[in-house]
N, C-alpha and C. Protein backbone atom coordinates (compact mmCIF):
# COMPACT_ATOMS: atom_id res chain seq x y z
N MET A 1 53.89 -62.79 45.80
CA MET A 1 54.25 -64.04 45.17
C MET A 1 53.30 -65.13 45.66
N ILE A 2 52.86 -65.94 44.76
CA ILE A 2 51.90 -67.00 45.10
C ILE A 2 52.67 -68.26 45.48
N SER A 3 52.33 -68.83 46.62
CA SER A 3 53.01 -70.03 47.09
C SER A 3 52.57 -71.23 46.26
N ASN A 4 53.36 -72.29 46.34
CA ASN A 4 53.03 -73.53 45.62
C ASN A 4 51.70 -74.09 46.09
N GLU A 5 51.40 -73.94 47.40
CA GLU A 5 50.12 -74.44 47.92
C GLU A 5 48.96 -73.72 47.26
N LEU A 6 49.10 -72.41 47.10
CA LEU A 6 48.03 -71.65 46.45
C LEU A 6 47.91 -72.00 44.98
N LYS A 7 49.05 -72.23 44.32
CA LYS A 7 49.01 -72.65 42.92
C LYS A 7 48.29 -73.99 42.78
N ILE A 8 48.58 -74.89 43.69
CA ILE A 8 47.92 -76.20 43.66
C ILE A 8 46.43 -76.04 43.92
N ALA A 9 46.07 -75.19 44.89
CA ALA A 9 44.66 -74.95 45.19
C ALA A 9 43.94 -74.38 43.97
N LEU A 10 44.60 -73.46 43.28
CA LEU A 10 43.98 -72.88 42.08
C LEU A 10 43.84 -73.93 41.00
N ALA A 11 44.87 -74.75 40.80
CA ALA A 11 44.79 -75.79 39.78
C ALA A 11 43.65 -76.75 40.08
N LEU A 12 43.48 -77.08 41.34
CA LEU A 12 42.39 -77.97 41.71
C LEU A 12 41.05 -77.27 41.62
N ALA A 13 41.07 -75.95 41.75
CA ALA A 13 39.82 -75.19 41.74
C ALA A 13 39.22 -75.09 40.34
N ILE A 14 40.05 -75.21 39.32
CA ILE A 14 39.54 -75.16 37.95
C ILE A 14 39.14 -76.58 37.59
N VAL A 15 37.87 -76.82 37.59
CA VAL A 15 37.36 -78.18 37.54
C VAL A 15 36.58 -78.43 36.27
N LEU A 16 36.86 -79.57 35.65
CA LEU A 16 36.01 -80.04 34.57
C LEU A 16 35.26 -81.25 35.12
N CYS A 17 33.95 -81.16 35.16
CA CYS A 17 33.16 -82.25 35.70
C CYS A 17 31.76 -82.16 35.14
N THR A 18 30.95 -83.13 35.45
CA THR A 18 29.56 -83.07 35.02
C THR A 18 28.67 -83.04 36.23
N LEU A 19 27.68 -82.17 36.20
CA LEU A 19 26.63 -82.09 37.20
C LEU A 19 25.33 -82.07 36.42
N PRO A 20 24.27 -82.61 36.94
CA PRO A 20 23.04 -82.72 36.17
C PRO A 20 22.41 -81.40 35.78
N ALA A 21 21.77 -80.72 36.66
CA ALA A 21 20.95 -79.57 36.26
C ALA A 21 21.40 -78.31 36.97
N ILE A 22 21.10 -77.20 36.36
CA ILE A 22 21.33 -75.89 36.95
C ILE A 22 19.97 -75.22 37.01
N ALA A 23 19.76 -74.33 37.98
CA ALA A 23 18.44 -73.74 38.20
C ALA A 23 17.87 -73.05 36.97
N GLN A 24 18.72 -72.48 36.12
CA GLN A 24 18.18 -71.80 34.96
C GLN A 24 17.69 -72.77 33.90
N ARG A 25 18.07 -74.02 34.00
CA ARG A 25 17.59 -75.03 33.05
C ARG A 25 16.21 -75.49 33.51
N PRO A 26 15.30 -75.72 32.56
CA PRO A 26 13.98 -76.24 32.93
C PRO A 26 14.10 -77.59 33.63
N SER A 27 13.20 -77.84 34.57
CA SER A 27 13.27 -79.07 35.35
C SER A 27 12.66 -80.26 34.62
N SER A 28 11.87 -80.03 33.58
CA SER A 28 11.29 -81.14 32.84
C SER A 28 11.39 -80.86 31.35
N PRO A 29 11.49 -81.91 30.53
CA PRO A 29 11.58 -81.71 29.08
C PRO A 29 10.38 -80.94 28.52
N ASP A 30 9.23 -81.02 29.18
CA ASP A 30 8.04 -80.30 28.71
C ASP A 30 8.22 -78.79 28.81
N GLU A 31 9.13 -78.33 29.70
CA GLU A 31 9.34 -76.90 29.90
C GLU A 31 10.42 -76.32 28.99
N TYR A 32 11.16 -77.17 28.29
CA TYR A 32 12.22 -76.69 27.41
C TYR A 32 11.63 -75.91 26.25
N PRO A 33 12.34 -74.87 25.81
CA PRO A 33 11.91 -74.19 24.59
C PRO A 33 12.13 -75.13 23.41
N PRO A 34 11.56 -74.81 22.25
CA PRO A 34 11.80 -75.66 21.07
C PRO A 34 13.30 -75.77 20.79
N ASN A 35 13.69 -76.85 20.15
CA ASN A 35 15.09 -77.03 19.82
C ASN A 35 15.57 -75.90 18.92
N PRO A 36 16.81 -75.49 19.10
CA PRO A 36 17.37 -74.47 18.21
C PRO A 36 17.44 -75.03 16.79
N PRO A 37 17.53 -74.17 15.78
CA PRO A 37 17.68 -74.65 14.41
C PRO A 37 18.95 -75.49 14.26
N ALA A 38 19.05 -76.23 13.19
CA ALA A 38 20.24 -77.04 12.91
C ALA A 38 21.48 -76.14 12.91
N ASN A 39 22.58 -76.66 13.39
CA ASN A 39 23.86 -75.93 13.43
C ASN A 39 23.76 -74.60 14.19
N HIS A 40 22.99 -74.60 15.26
CA HIS A 40 22.80 -73.38 16.04
C HIS A 40 22.86 -73.72 17.54
N VAL A 41 23.43 -72.80 18.31
CA VAL A 41 23.49 -72.94 19.77
C VAL A 41 22.78 -71.73 20.38
N GLU A 42 21.80 -71.98 21.22
CA GLU A 42 21.11 -70.93 21.98
C GLU A 42 21.85 -70.78 23.32
N VAL A 43 22.00 -69.54 23.79
CA VAL A 43 22.76 -69.28 25.02
C VAL A 43 21.87 -68.54 26.00
N ARG A 44 21.86 -69.00 27.26
CA ARG A 44 21.12 -68.35 28.33
C ARG A 44 22.07 -68.06 29.48
N PHE A 45 21.81 -66.98 30.22
CA PHE A 45 22.70 -66.52 31.28
C PHE A 45 21.98 -66.40 32.61
N ALA A 46 22.73 -66.56 33.71
CA ALA A 46 22.19 -66.33 35.06
C ALA A 46 23.34 -65.87 35.96
N VAL A 47 22.99 -65.03 36.92
CA VAL A 47 23.92 -64.65 37.98
C VAL A 47 23.15 -64.83 39.27
N GLY A 48 23.72 -65.63 40.17
CA GLY A 48 22.98 -66.00 41.36
C GLY A 48 21.79 -66.86 40.93
N LYS A 49 20.64 -66.57 41.50
CA LYS A 49 19.45 -67.36 41.16
C LYS A 49 18.63 -66.73 40.03
N ALA A 50 19.06 -65.57 39.53
CA ALA A 50 18.24 -64.82 38.56
C ALA A 50 18.80 -64.92 37.14
N PRO A 51 17.91 -65.08 36.18
CA PRO A 51 18.34 -65.03 34.78
C PRO A 51 18.87 -63.63 34.46
N VAL A 52 19.82 -63.55 33.56
CA VAL A 52 20.37 -62.28 33.10
C VAL A 52 20.11 -62.18 31.61
N THR A 53 19.63 -61.01 31.20
CA THR A 53 19.43 -60.80 29.77
C THR A 53 20.36 -59.67 29.31
N CYS A 54 20.77 -59.77 28.09
CA CYS A 54 21.55 -58.71 27.47
C CYS A 54 21.08 -58.62 26.02
N ALA A 55 21.05 -57.40 25.50
CA ALA A 55 20.59 -57.22 24.13
C ALA A 55 21.48 -58.03 23.17
N ARG A 56 22.77 -58.01 23.42
CA ARG A 56 23.72 -58.79 22.62
C ARG A 56 24.83 -59.25 23.56
N PHE A 57 25.34 -60.44 23.32
CA PHE A 57 26.49 -60.90 24.09
C PHE A 57 27.67 -61.06 23.14
N GLN A 58 28.88 -60.93 23.70
CA GLN A 58 30.09 -61.10 22.92
C GLN A 58 30.65 -62.48 23.20
N LEU A 59 31.13 -63.12 22.14
CA LEU A 59 31.65 -64.48 22.26
C LEU A 59 32.89 -64.62 21.40
N THR A 60 33.93 -65.22 21.98
CA THR A 60 35.12 -65.60 21.22
C THR A 60 35.41 -67.05 21.56
N VAL A 61 35.56 -67.87 20.53
CA VAL A 61 35.88 -69.29 20.70
C VAL A 61 37.16 -69.57 19.92
N ARG A 62 38.16 -70.09 20.61
CA ARG A 62 39.43 -70.45 19.97
C ARG A 62 39.66 -71.94 20.13
N GLY A 63 40.21 -72.52 19.10
CA GLY A 63 40.64 -73.92 19.13
C GLY A 63 42.11 -73.94 18.77
N GLY A 64 42.98 -74.25 19.73
CA GLY A 64 44.41 -74.13 19.48
C GLY A 64 44.74 -72.68 19.25
N LYS A 65 45.42 -72.39 18.16
CA LYS A 65 45.80 -71.00 17.85
C LYS A 65 44.81 -70.36 16.87
N GLN A 66 43.77 -71.07 16.50
CA GLN A 66 42.81 -70.58 15.52
C GLN A 66 41.57 -70.01 16.22
N THR A 67 41.13 -68.82 15.79
CA THR A 67 39.86 -68.28 16.26
C THR A 67 38.77 -68.91 15.40
N ILE A 68 37.90 -69.67 16.04
CA ILE A 68 36.83 -70.38 15.33
C ILE A 68 35.61 -69.48 15.18
N LEU A 69 35.36 -68.66 16.19
CA LEU A 69 34.17 -67.81 16.18
C LEU A 69 34.44 -66.58 17.04
N ALA A 70 34.05 -65.42 16.53
CA ALA A 70 34.14 -64.18 17.32
C ALA A 70 33.06 -63.24 16.82
N GLY A 71 32.30 -62.67 17.76
CA GLY A 71 31.28 -61.73 17.35
C GLY A 71 30.33 -61.38 18.46
N SER A 72 29.30 -60.64 18.07
CA SER A 72 28.25 -60.20 18.98
C SER A 72 26.95 -60.85 18.52
N PHE A 73 26.20 -61.41 19.47
CA PHE A 73 25.03 -62.21 19.11
C PHE A 73 23.85 -61.85 20.01
N ALA A 74 22.64 -62.05 19.49
CA ALA A 74 21.43 -61.71 20.24
C ALA A 74 21.07 -62.79 21.26
N SER A 75 20.85 -64.01 20.83
CA SER A 75 20.46 -65.06 21.78
C SER A 75 21.14 -66.39 21.50
N GLY A 76 21.88 -66.45 20.45
CA GLY A 76 22.56 -67.67 20.08
C GLY A 76 23.45 -67.41 18.89
N PHE A 77 24.08 -68.48 18.39
CA PHE A 77 24.98 -68.32 17.27
C PHE A 77 24.94 -69.55 16.37
N SER A 78 25.26 -69.33 15.11
CA SER A 78 25.38 -70.44 14.16
C SER A 78 26.76 -71.04 14.32
N ILE A 79 26.82 -72.35 14.25
CA ILE A 79 28.09 -73.06 14.41
C ILE A 79 28.89 -72.91 13.12
N PRO A 80 30.08 -72.34 13.19
CA PRO A 80 30.86 -72.12 11.97
C PRO A 80 31.43 -73.42 11.41
N SER A 81 31.70 -73.44 10.12
CA SER A 81 32.23 -74.64 9.48
C SER A 81 33.59 -75.01 10.05
N ALA A 82 34.37 -74.03 10.53
CA ALA A 82 35.68 -74.32 11.12
C ALA A 82 35.56 -75.24 12.33
N ALA A 83 34.40 -75.25 12.98
CA ALA A 83 34.20 -76.10 14.15
C ALA A 83 34.18 -77.58 13.76
N LEU A 84 33.78 -77.88 12.53
CA LEU A 84 33.67 -79.26 12.09
C LEU A 84 35.03 -79.94 11.97
N THR A 85 36.07 -79.18 11.69
CA THR A 85 37.40 -79.76 11.52
C THR A 85 38.28 -79.57 12.74
N ASN A 86 37.80 -78.85 13.74
CA ASN A 86 38.60 -78.60 14.94
C ASN A 86 38.56 -79.80 15.87
N ASN A 87 39.75 -80.27 16.26
CA ASN A 87 39.84 -81.35 17.25
C ASN A 87 40.54 -80.87 18.53
N GLU A 88 40.85 -79.60 18.58
CA GLU A 88 41.54 -79.01 19.73
C GLU A 88 40.53 -78.70 20.83
N MET A 89 41.02 -78.65 22.06
CA MET A 89 40.21 -78.16 23.16
C MET A 89 39.93 -76.68 22.90
N LEU A 90 38.79 -76.20 23.39
CA LEU A 90 38.37 -74.84 23.12
C LEU A 90 38.69 -73.92 24.29
N ASP A 91 38.91 -72.66 23.96
CA ASP A 91 39.04 -71.59 24.92
C ASP A 91 37.88 -70.65 24.61
N ILE A 92 36.98 -70.43 25.58
CA ILE A 92 35.75 -69.68 25.34
C ILE A 92 35.69 -68.47 26.27
N GLU A 93 35.49 -67.29 25.67
CA GLU A 93 35.29 -66.05 26.42
C GLU A 93 33.91 -65.52 26.07
N ILE A 94 33.14 -65.17 27.10
CA ILE A 94 31.77 -64.69 26.92
C ILE A 94 31.58 -63.44 27.76
N LYS A 95 30.89 -62.46 27.20
CA LYS A 95 30.55 -61.26 27.95
C LYS A 95 29.09 -60.94 27.68
N CYS A 96 28.32 -60.77 28.76
CA CYS A 96 26.91 -60.38 28.69
C CYS A 96 26.76 -59.17 29.60
N GLY A 97 26.61 -58.00 29.01
CA GLY A 97 26.55 -56.79 29.82
C GLY A 97 27.84 -56.64 30.60
N GLU A 98 27.74 -56.45 31.92
CA GLU A 98 28.93 -56.28 32.77
C GLU A 98 29.53 -57.61 33.23
N HIS A 99 28.92 -58.72 32.87
CA HIS A 99 29.36 -60.03 33.34
C HIS A 99 30.27 -60.69 32.31
N LYS A 100 31.37 -61.29 32.83
CA LYS A 100 32.35 -61.94 31.96
C LYS A 100 32.63 -63.35 32.46
N TRP A 101 32.84 -64.25 31.51
CA TRP A 101 33.22 -65.62 31.83
C TRP A 101 34.32 -66.05 30.88
N HIS A 102 35.24 -66.87 31.38
CA HIS A 102 36.30 -67.42 30.56
C HIS A 102 36.49 -68.88 30.96
N PHE A 103 36.40 -69.76 29.98
CA PHE A 103 36.57 -71.19 30.24
C PHE A 103 37.62 -71.74 29.28
N SER A 104 38.60 -72.43 29.84
CA SER A 104 39.65 -73.07 29.06
C SER A 104 39.42 -74.58 29.06
N ASP A 105 40.02 -75.24 28.11
CA ASP A 105 39.98 -76.71 28.03
C ASP A 105 38.56 -77.25 27.94
N VAL A 106 37.76 -76.63 27.09
CA VAL A 106 36.38 -77.07 26.85
C VAL A 106 36.39 -78.05 25.67
N GLU A 107 35.70 -79.15 25.82
CA GLU A 107 35.64 -80.14 24.75
C GLU A 107 35.10 -79.53 23.46
N ALA A 108 35.67 -79.94 22.33
CA ALA A 108 35.26 -79.42 21.02
C ALA A 108 33.79 -79.69 20.73
N ARG A 109 33.23 -80.72 21.33
CA ARG A 109 31.81 -81.03 21.08
C ARG A 109 30.85 -80.01 21.69
N ALA A 110 31.40 -78.99 22.35
CA ALA A 110 30.56 -77.88 22.83
C ALA A 110 29.92 -77.16 21.64
N LEU A 111 30.57 -77.26 20.48
CA LEU A 111 30.05 -76.60 19.28
C LEU A 111 29.18 -77.56 18.48
N ARG A 112 28.12 -78.00 19.11
CA ARG A 112 27.09 -78.84 18.47
C ARG A 112 25.73 -78.21 18.73
N GLN A 113 24.79 -78.51 17.87
CA GLN A 113 23.44 -77.95 18.03
C GLN A 113 22.93 -78.20 19.44
N GLY A 114 22.41 -77.15 20.07
CA GLY A 114 21.88 -77.30 21.42
C GLY A 114 21.84 -75.98 22.16
N ARG A 115 22.10 -76.08 23.48
CA ARG A 115 22.02 -74.91 24.36
C ARG A 115 23.24 -74.82 25.25
N TRP A 116 23.59 -73.59 25.58
CA TRP A 116 24.59 -73.33 26.61
C TRP A 116 23.89 -72.59 27.73
N TRP A 117 24.19 -72.98 28.97
CA TRP A 117 23.71 -72.30 30.15
C TRP A 117 24.96 -71.74 30.84
N VAL A 118 25.08 -70.42 30.89
CA VAL A 118 26.29 -69.77 31.39
C VAL A 118 25.91 -68.94 32.62
N GLY A 119 26.73 -69.02 33.66
CA GLY A 119 26.39 -68.22 34.83
C GLY A 119 27.45 -68.20 35.90
N THR A 120 27.12 -67.44 36.94
CA THR A 120 27.93 -67.36 38.15
C THR A 120 26.97 -67.54 39.32
N ASP A 121 27.34 -68.41 40.24
CA ASP A 121 26.49 -68.62 41.43
C ASP A 121 27.29 -68.28 42.68
N TYR A 122 26.56 -67.86 43.70
CA TYR A 122 27.12 -67.47 44.99
C TYR A 122 26.39 -68.21 46.10
N PRO A 123 27.07 -68.38 47.27
CA PRO A 123 26.38 -69.04 48.40
C PRO A 123 25.14 -68.27 48.83
N PRO A 124 24.10 -68.92 49.28
CA PRO A 124 23.93 -70.37 49.22
C PRO A 124 23.73 -70.79 47.77
N PHE A 125 24.47 -71.81 47.37
CA PHE A 125 24.50 -72.24 45.97
C PHE A 125 23.20 -72.91 45.54
N LEU A 126 23.03 -72.93 44.23
CA LEU A 126 21.92 -73.66 43.64
C LEU A 126 21.97 -75.11 44.13
N GLU A 127 20.85 -75.75 44.18
CA GLU A 127 20.76 -77.12 44.70
C GLU A 127 21.73 -78.07 44.00
N ALA A 128 21.91 -77.91 42.70
CA ALA A 128 22.80 -78.81 41.95
C ALA A 128 24.25 -78.72 42.43
N PHE A 129 24.66 -77.58 42.98
CA PHE A 129 26.02 -77.41 43.46
C PHE A 129 26.18 -77.77 44.93
N GLN A 130 25.09 -77.83 45.70
CA GLN A 130 25.17 -78.00 47.14
C GLN A 130 25.71 -79.36 47.56
N GLY A 131 25.50 -80.39 46.79
CA GLY A 131 25.96 -81.71 47.18
C GLY A 131 27.40 -81.99 46.77
N ALA A 132 28.02 -81.10 46.01
CA ALA A 132 29.38 -81.32 45.52
C ALA A 132 30.39 -80.81 46.54
N ASP A 133 31.17 -81.70 47.13
CA ASP A 133 32.16 -81.32 48.13
C ASP A 133 33.15 -80.29 47.61
N ARG A 134 33.49 -80.37 46.32
CA ARG A 134 34.50 -79.47 45.76
C ARG A 134 34.06 -78.00 45.83
N PHE A 135 32.74 -77.76 45.94
CA PHE A 135 32.23 -76.40 45.97
C PHE A 135 31.85 -75.91 47.37
N LYS A 136 31.97 -76.76 48.40
CA LYS A 136 31.42 -76.41 49.71
C LYS A 136 32.04 -75.16 50.33
N ASP A 137 33.30 -74.85 50.03
CA ASP A 137 33.94 -73.67 50.59
C ASP A 137 34.22 -72.61 49.53
N ALA A 138 33.45 -72.63 48.45
CA ALA A 138 33.69 -71.69 47.36
C ALA A 138 33.04 -70.33 47.63
N ALA A 139 33.69 -69.26 47.18
CA ALA A 139 33.12 -67.92 47.25
C ALA A 139 32.19 -67.68 46.07
N TRP A 140 32.49 -68.31 44.93
CA TRP A 140 31.64 -68.24 43.74
C TRP A 140 31.96 -69.41 42.83
N ILE A 141 31.02 -69.74 41.96
CA ILE A 141 31.19 -70.79 40.96
C ILE A 141 30.78 -70.20 39.62
N LYS A 142 31.65 -70.30 38.65
CA LYS A 142 31.29 -69.92 37.27
C LYS A 142 31.10 -71.21 36.50
N TYR A 143 30.07 -71.23 35.66
CA TYR A 143 29.78 -72.47 34.96
C TYR A 143 29.37 -72.25 33.51
N LEU A 144 29.69 -73.24 32.71
CA LEU A 144 29.24 -73.36 31.33
C LEU A 144 28.68 -74.77 31.21
N ILE A 145 27.36 -74.86 31.08
CA ILE A 145 26.72 -76.16 30.90
C ILE A 145 26.43 -76.29 29.41
N VAL A 146 26.96 -77.32 28.80
CA VAL A 146 26.75 -77.58 27.38
C VAL A 146 25.68 -78.66 27.28
N ASP A 147 24.62 -78.34 26.59
CA ASP A 147 23.43 -79.21 26.52
C ASP A 147 23.08 -79.48 25.06
N PRO A 148 23.86 -80.35 24.39
CA PRO A 148 23.59 -80.62 22.97
C PRO A 148 22.30 -81.41 22.78
N ILE A 149 21.69 -81.24 21.62
CA ILE A 149 20.42 -81.90 21.32
C ILE A 149 20.58 -83.42 21.21
N ASN A 150 21.60 -83.87 20.48
CA ASN A 150 21.74 -85.31 20.22
C ASN A 150 23.03 -85.89 20.79
N ASP A 151 23.40 -85.45 21.97
CA ASP A 151 24.63 -85.95 22.58
C ASP A 151 24.53 -85.77 24.09
N GLU A 152 25.43 -86.39 24.79
CA GLU A 152 25.50 -86.26 26.25
C GLU A 152 26.03 -84.88 26.60
N GLY A 153 25.37 -84.20 27.49
CA GLY A 153 25.81 -82.89 27.92
C GLY A 153 26.96 -82.97 28.91
N PHE A 154 27.59 -81.85 29.14
CA PHE A 154 28.68 -81.78 30.11
C PHE A 154 28.78 -80.36 30.63
N GLY A 155 29.53 -80.21 31.70
CA GLY A 155 29.71 -78.89 32.29
C GLY A 155 31.17 -78.59 32.52
N VAL A 156 31.49 -77.31 32.48
CA VAL A 156 32.82 -76.82 32.81
C VAL A 156 32.61 -75.84 33.97
N TYR A 157 33.36 -76.03 35.04
CA TYR A 157 33.16 -75.25 36.26
C TYR A 157 34.47 -74.66 36.72
N LYS A 158 34.40 -73.44 37.19
CA LYS A 158 35.56 -72.76 37.75
C LYS A 158 35.07 -72.14 39.06
N PHE A 159 35.85 -72.27 40.13
CA PHE A 159 35.40 -71.68 41.38
C PHE A 159 36.56 -71.08 42.15
N CYS A 160 36.21 -70.20 43.06
CA CYS A 160 37.18 -69.51 43.91
C CYS A 160 37.05 -70.04 45.33
N PRO A 161 38.11 -70.66 45.87
CA PRO A 161 38.05 -71.06 47.28
C PRO A 161 37.88 -69.82 48.16
N ALA A 162 36.93 -69.87 49.07
CA ALA A 162 36.61 -68.71 49.91
C ALA A 162 37.83 -68.16 50.64
N LYS A 163 38.74 -69.02 51.07
CA LYS A 163 39.89 -68.55 51.83
C LYS A 163 40.86 -67.73 50.97
N LEU A 164 40.70 -67.76 49.65
CA LEU A 164 41.60 -67.02 48.76
C LEU A 164 40.92 -65.81 48.11
N LYS A 165 39.64 -65.59 48.39
CA LYS A 165 38.88 -64.57 47.66
C LYS A 165 39.39 -63.15 47.84
N ASP A 166 40.04 -62.84 48.97
CA ASP A 166 40.51 -61.48 49.22
C ASP A 166 41.98 -61.29 48.90
N GLN A 167 42.64 -62.31 48.42
CA GLN A 167 44.06 -62.21 48.09
C GLN A 167 44.19 -61.44 46.77
N ASN A 168 44.75 -60.22 46.85
CA ASN A 168 44.81 -59.37 45.68
C ASN A 168 46.23 -58.82 45.53
N PRO A 169 46.98 -59.12 44.47
CA PRO A 169 46.53 -60.00 43.40
C PRO A 169 46.53 -61.44 43.88
N GLY A 170 45.72 -62.23 43.27
CA GLY A 170 45.61 -63.62 43.69
C GLY A 170 44.83 -64.43 42.69
N PRO A 171 44.69 -65.71 42.97
CA PRO A 171 44.07 -66.61 42.01
C PRO A 171 42.59 -66.34 41.75
N CYS A 172 41.91 -65.67 42.66
CA CYS A 172 40.48 -65.39 42.45
C CYS A 172 40.22 -63.97 41.97
N TYR A 173 41.21 -63.13 42.07
CA TYR A 173 40.99 -61.71 41.82
C TYR A 173 40.65 -61.42 40.35
N ASP A 174 41.44 -61.87 39.41
CA ASP A 174 41.23 -61.51 38.01
C ASP A 174 39.95 -62.09 37.42
N ASP A 175 39.50 -63.21 37.94
CA ASP A 175 38.32 -63.86 37.37
C ASP A 175 37.16 -63.85 38.34
N GLY A 176 37.28 -63.12 39.42
CA GLY A 176 36.24 -63.12 40.43
C GLY A 176 35.13 -62.14 40.15
N PRO A 177 34.20 -62.04 41.05
CA PRO A 177 33.04 -61.16 40.89
C PRO A 177 33.44 -59.71 40.62
N GLY A 178 34.57 -59.25 41.16
CA GLY A 178 34.98 -57.88 40.91
C GLY A 178 35.33 -57.60 39.46
N SER A 179 35.62 -58.65 38.68
CA SER A 179 35.99 -58.45 37.28
C SER A 179 34.76 -58.47 36.39
N GLU A 180 33.61 -58.76 36.96
CA GLU A 180 32.41 -58.87 36.13
C GLU A 180 31.80 -57.55 35.82
């Protein structure tokens, strides 16, 4: 049974915040690939400090009780028309090879032309995560960085407090590195 303290720790561990850059993102605009086509999102993956490639990735995006997008994609996806009328927060599940990510309460504007940077980082963390106190005792950080072409980007972050990483079953077990 999970104590209230652990429930609170888990609730606090699921963080929606903005951080500037992630290592897989180019450090200067000159290094960025060309913009994706209109109504398209390009997706890139990393685990630790290394980029991850997969021939196809699986993606499911739900808004409320409606599935907005579900399928297998090579490097990106076209934004479906259902996204234009959705005002609900999104629930996003992504799988690239053996790696899985799940993000809840993602802003609907994630489905705008641009790029997604998806990954899992482990200590020692990427420089962008090192200055954030909320991550200082984390065993891992899962992230979805939304980088739209004509809008302010944002990030969704989920992390496992190191002191809870071995609690099985526990708040880090189902979504931790062992589930990837």
